[in-house]
Protein backbone atom coordinates (compact mmCIF):
# COMPACT_ATOMS: atom_id res chain seq x y z
CA UNK A 1 -40.47 8.22 150.39
CA UNK A 2 -37.82 8.51 153.08
CA UNK A 3 -36.18 11.71 155.26
CA UNK A 4 -33.72 12.54 157.27
CA UNK A 5 -33.88 15.22 159.61
CA UNK A 6 -31.10 16.68 162.02
CA UNK A 7 -31.61 19.61 164.35
CA UNK A 8 -31.16 19.81 168.10
CA UNK A 9 -34.07 21.99 168.70
CA UNK A 10 -36.97 19.23 170.40
CA UNK A 11 -39.45 21.50 169.68
CA UNK A 12 -38.50 22.12 165.96
CA UNK A 13 -38.08 18.79 165.42
CA UNK A 14 -41.34 17.89 166.78
CA UNK A 15 -43.36 20.31 164.43
CA UNK A 16 -41.06 18.59 161.40
CA UNK A 17 -41.58 15.25 162.13
CA UNK A 18 -45.63 15.75 162.65
CA UNK A 19 -45.56 17.85 159.29
CA UNK A 20 -43.89 15.24 157.00
CA UNK A 21 -45.74 12.44 158.79
CA UNK A 22 -48.90 13.95 157.95
CA UNK A 23 -47.67 13.83 154.25
CA UNK A 24 -47.17 10.04 155.02
CA UNK A 25 -43.25 10.28 154.95
CA UNK A 26 -41.00 7.95 156.33
CA UNK A 27 -39.16 9.83 159.01
CA UNK A 28 -35.92 9.61 160.71
CA UNK A 29 -34.58 12.43 163.35
CA UNK A 30 -31.56 12.63 165.15
CA UNK A 31 -30.09 15.25 167.39
CA UNK A 32 -26.69 16.51 166.19
CA UNK A 33 -24.51 16.67 162.51
CA UNK A 34 -22.46 13.47 163.37
CA UNK A 35 -25.48 11.41 164.16
CA UNK A 36 -26.65 12.40 160.59
CA UNK A 37 -23.58 11.76 158.87
CA UNK A 38 -22.85 8.13 160.37
CA UNK A 39 -26.61 7.26 158.99
CA UNK A 40 -25.86 8.61 155.72
CA UNK A 41 -22.83 6.63 155.81
CA UNK A 42 -24.02 3.48 157.34
CA UNK A 43 -26.94 3.27 154.56
CA UNK A 44 -26.94 0.94 151.53
CA UNK A 45 -27.46 3.30 148.43
CA UNK A 46 -30.94 1.60 147.79
CA UNK A 47 -32.28 2.98 151.30
CA UNK A 48 -30.87 6.38 151.68
CA UNK A 49 -33.48 9.14 152.13
CA UNK A 50 -34.80 10.93 149.14
CA UNK A 51 -34.50 14.34 151.27
CA UNK A 52 -32.40 15.56 153.99
CA UNK A 53 -33.21 18.43 156.11
CA UNK A 54 -30.56 19.62 158.10
CA UNK A 55 -29.98 22.74 161.03
CA UNK A 56 -27.15 24.81 160.03
CA UNK A 57 -26.15 24.96 163.77
CA UNK A 58 -25.61 21.99 165.77
CA UNK A 59 -23.60 19.57 167.73
CA UNK A 60 -21.21 17.70 165.81
CA UNK A 61 -20.96 18.74 162.15
CA UNK A 62 -22.58 21.69 161.19
CA UNK A 63 -25.58 21.51 158.41
CA UNK A 64 -23.15 23.39 156.24
CA UNK A 65 -20.59 20.73 156.45
CA UNK A 66 -22.56 17.84 155.89
CA UNK A 67 -23.70 19.19 152.82
CA UNK A 68 -20.30 19.90 151.33
CA UNK A 69 -19.35 15.90 152.52
CA UNK A 70 -22.35 14.87 150.97
CA UNK A 71 -21.95 16.97 147.20
CA UNK A 72 -18.25 15.31 147.54
CA UNK A 73 -19.26 11.92 146.80
CA UNK A 74 -21.75 10.67 144.05
CA UNK A 75 -23.51 8.45 146.29
CA UNK A 76 -25.44 11.27 147.21
CA UNK A 77 -26.35 13.39 144.06
CA UNK A 78 -29.62 12.48 144.26
CA UNK A 79 -30.40 13.54 147.52
CA UNK A 80 -32.45 16.84 148.03
CA UNK A 81 -31.22 18.71 150.78
CA UNK A 82 -33.06 21.43 152.76
CA UNK A 83 -31.16 23.52 155.11
CA UNK A 84 -32.97 25.33 158.38
CA UNK A 85 -31.58 27.91 160.19
CA UNK A 86 -32.38 31.33 162.13
CA UNK A 87 -29.69 32.78 159.71
CA UNK A 88 -31.32 35.07 156.88
CA UNK A 89 -28.83 37.51 155.98
CA UNK A 90 -28.10 37.15 151.87
CA UNK A 91 -24.50 36.37 152.14
CA UNK A 92 -25.61 33.52 154.72
CA UNK A 93 -28.14 32.03 151.84
CA UNK A 94 -25.35 32.25 149.43
CA UNK A 95 -23.10 30.09 151.89
CA UNK A 96 -25.74 27.53 152.26
CA UNK A 97 -26.26 27.07 148.63
CA UNK A 98 -22.86 26.90 147.75
CA UNK A 99 -22.33 24.21 150.11
CA UNK A 100 -24.79 21.87 148.14
CA UNK A 101 -28.03 22.62 149.67
CA UNK A 102 -31.17 22.67 147.13
CA UNK A 103 -33.11 24.84 149.34
CA UNK A 104 -33.35 26.57 152.34
CA UNK A 105 -35.84 27.94 155.23
CA UNK A 106 -35.53 30.03 158.00
CA UNK A 107 -36.50 29.77 161.59
CA UNK A 108 -39.00 30.06 163.31
CA UNK A 109 -40.83 28.42 160.03
CA UNK A 110 -44.28 28.36 159.40
CA UNK A 111 -45.22 24.39 159.05
CA UNK A 112 -47.34 24.96 155.90
CA UNK A 113 -44.43 26.80 154.16
CA UNK A 114 -41.90 23.57 154.83
CA UNK A 115 -44.54 21.33 153.54
CA UNK A 116 -44.69 23.50 150.51
CA UNK A 117 -41.01 23.23 149.96
CA UNK A 118 -40.71 19.51 151.15
CA UNK A 119 -43.30 18.75 148.13
CA UNK A 120 -41.19 20.71 145.81
CA UNK A 121 -38.22 18.44 147.08
CA UNK A 122 -40.51 15.46 146.33
CA UNK A 123 -40.98 16.59 142.60
CA UNK A 124 -37.50 17.41 142.15
CA UNK A 125 -36.57 13.85 143.38
CA UNK A 126 -38.68 11.99 141.31
CA UNK A 127 -37.96 13.87 138.14
CA UNK A 128 -34.36 13.15 138.91
CA UNK A 129 -35.01 9.52 139.27
CA UNK A 130 -36.87 9.38 136.31
CA UNK A 131 -34.38 11.16 134.04
CA UNK A 132 -31.67 9.01 135.65
CA UNK A 133 -33.71 5.70 134.62
CA UNK A 134 -34.07 6.77 130.97
CA UNK A 135 -30.22 8.00 130.82
CA UNK A 136 -29.51 4.63 132.05
CA UNK A 137 -32.10 3.05 129.05
CA UNK A 138 -29.92 5.26 126.93
CA UNK A 139 -26.85 4.24 127.36
CA UNK A 140 -27.94 0.26 127.14
CA UNK A 141 -28.89 0.78 123.79
CA UNK A 142 -25.95 3.10 122.80
CA UNK A 143 -23.94 -0.18 124.06
CA UNK A 144 -25.40 -2.32 121.65
CA UNK A 145 -26.03 -0.07 118.66
CA UNK A 146 -22.07 0.06 119.38
CA UNK A 147 -21.85 -3.57 119.03
CA UNK A 148 -23.80 -4.02 115.95
CA UNK A 149 -22.92 -1.22 113.75
CA UNK A 150 -20.64 -1.31 110.98
CA UNK A 151 -19.81 -4.24 108.53
CA UNK A 152 -18.34 -7.11 109.50
CA UNK A 153 -15.97 -8.94 106.97
CA UNK A 154 -16.66 -12.81 106.72
CA UNK A 155 -14.87 -15.63 105.20
CA UNK A 156 -17.12 -16.89 102.14
CA UNK A 157 -15.42 -20.24 102.49
CA UNK A 158 -14.98 -20.94 106.18
CA UNK A 159 -17.45 -18.70 107.53
CA UNK A 160 -14.90 -16.81 110.20
CA UNK A 161 -15.30 -13.50 110.78
CA UNK A 162 -12.16 -10.65 111.32
CA UNK A 163 -12.78 -8.79 114.46
CA UNK A 164 -12.11 -5.52 115.60
CA UNK A 165 -8.13 -6.65 116.44
CA UNK A 166 -7.67 -7.62 112.86
CA UNK A 167 -7.61 -11.34 113.87
CA UNK A 168 -10.00 -14.30 112.41
CA UNK A 169 -12.33 -16.02 114.76
CA UNK A 170 -15.31 -18.39 114.45
CA UNK A 171 -18.66 -16.25 114.25
CA UNK A 172 -20.18 -18.10 117.01
CA UNK A 173 -17.26 -16.92 119.33
CA UNK A 174 -17.83 -13.66 118.03
CA UNK A 175 -21.47 -13.74 118.51
CA UNK A 176 -21.12 -14.41 122.24
CA UNK A 177 -18.25 -12.16 122.80
CA UNK A 178 -20.34 -8.99 121.17
CA UNK A 179 -23.90 -9.66 122.33
CA UNK A 180 -25.64 -11.05 125.31
CA UNK A 181 -26.59 -13.86 123.30
CA UNK A 182 -25.63 -17.31 124.62
CA UNK A 183 -25.30 -19.97 121.54
CA UNK A 184 -26.11 -23.84 121.93
CA UNK A 185 -24.88 -26.38 119.28
CA UNK A 186 -26.46 -28.54 117.37
CA UNK A 187 -26.77 -30.33 113.92
CA UNK A 188 -29.35 -29.30 111.50
CA UNK A 189 -31.45 -31.59 109.36
CA UNK A 190 -29.65 -30.81 106.00
CA UNK A 191 -26.22 -31.94 107.68
CA UNK A 192 -27.62 -35.02 109.48
CA UNK A 193 -28.55 -36.04 105.92
CA UNK A 194 -25.38 -35.33 104.35
CA UNK A 195 -23.68 -36.89 107.06
CA UNK A 196 -25.75 -40.44 106.52
CA UNK A 197 -24.83 -40.30 102.96
CA UNK A 198 -21.47 -40.81 103.46
CA UNK A 199 -19.58 -44.06 103.70
CA UNK A 200 -19.03 -45.08 107.17
CA UNK A 201 -15.30 -43.36 108.72
CA UNK A 202 -15.49 -40.96 105.59
CA UNK A 203 -16.02 -38.32 108.28
CA UNK A 204 -13.78 -39.43 111.02
């Protein structure tokens, strides 16, 4: 599991890193909001951190602004965001959560409490990832059902089928365009036998 920590307080950063590394997290730390945003933008989707811990007040972009930018992009939908701040009024809490943060912890924080909150975030991230995978599976299954559902008109004589646009096309063409099946062509034994029984040139 990967986590990005952005905090300009050197002491707080050391405590955060020590706590997270004890949990076997892959920790990246930066000292200001601009650097944090640059890291998030530069990483490919597969390498994004699962959790981001942001100090509210720091040089460059503050934590709330980074939250807003993250929630404005679907690229960061599954990232769990924790705001870290000395602000503790109900209004501050409301502003932080409204910006898109998932959790909020006040300074000076207890490392044990921080660890507990990170473990909650880890469970949420794993659940979200599992649900996203299930949704993808269901969407793929739905596409297949839509491809296969309904009656397919087929000519009893030439075996051409009538597609959704009301045009007649070869059955093999229809199958390859509506499924993931790739067809190869050959001649069955019955057809070979019939061809062998015909006079030379009769089927030219």
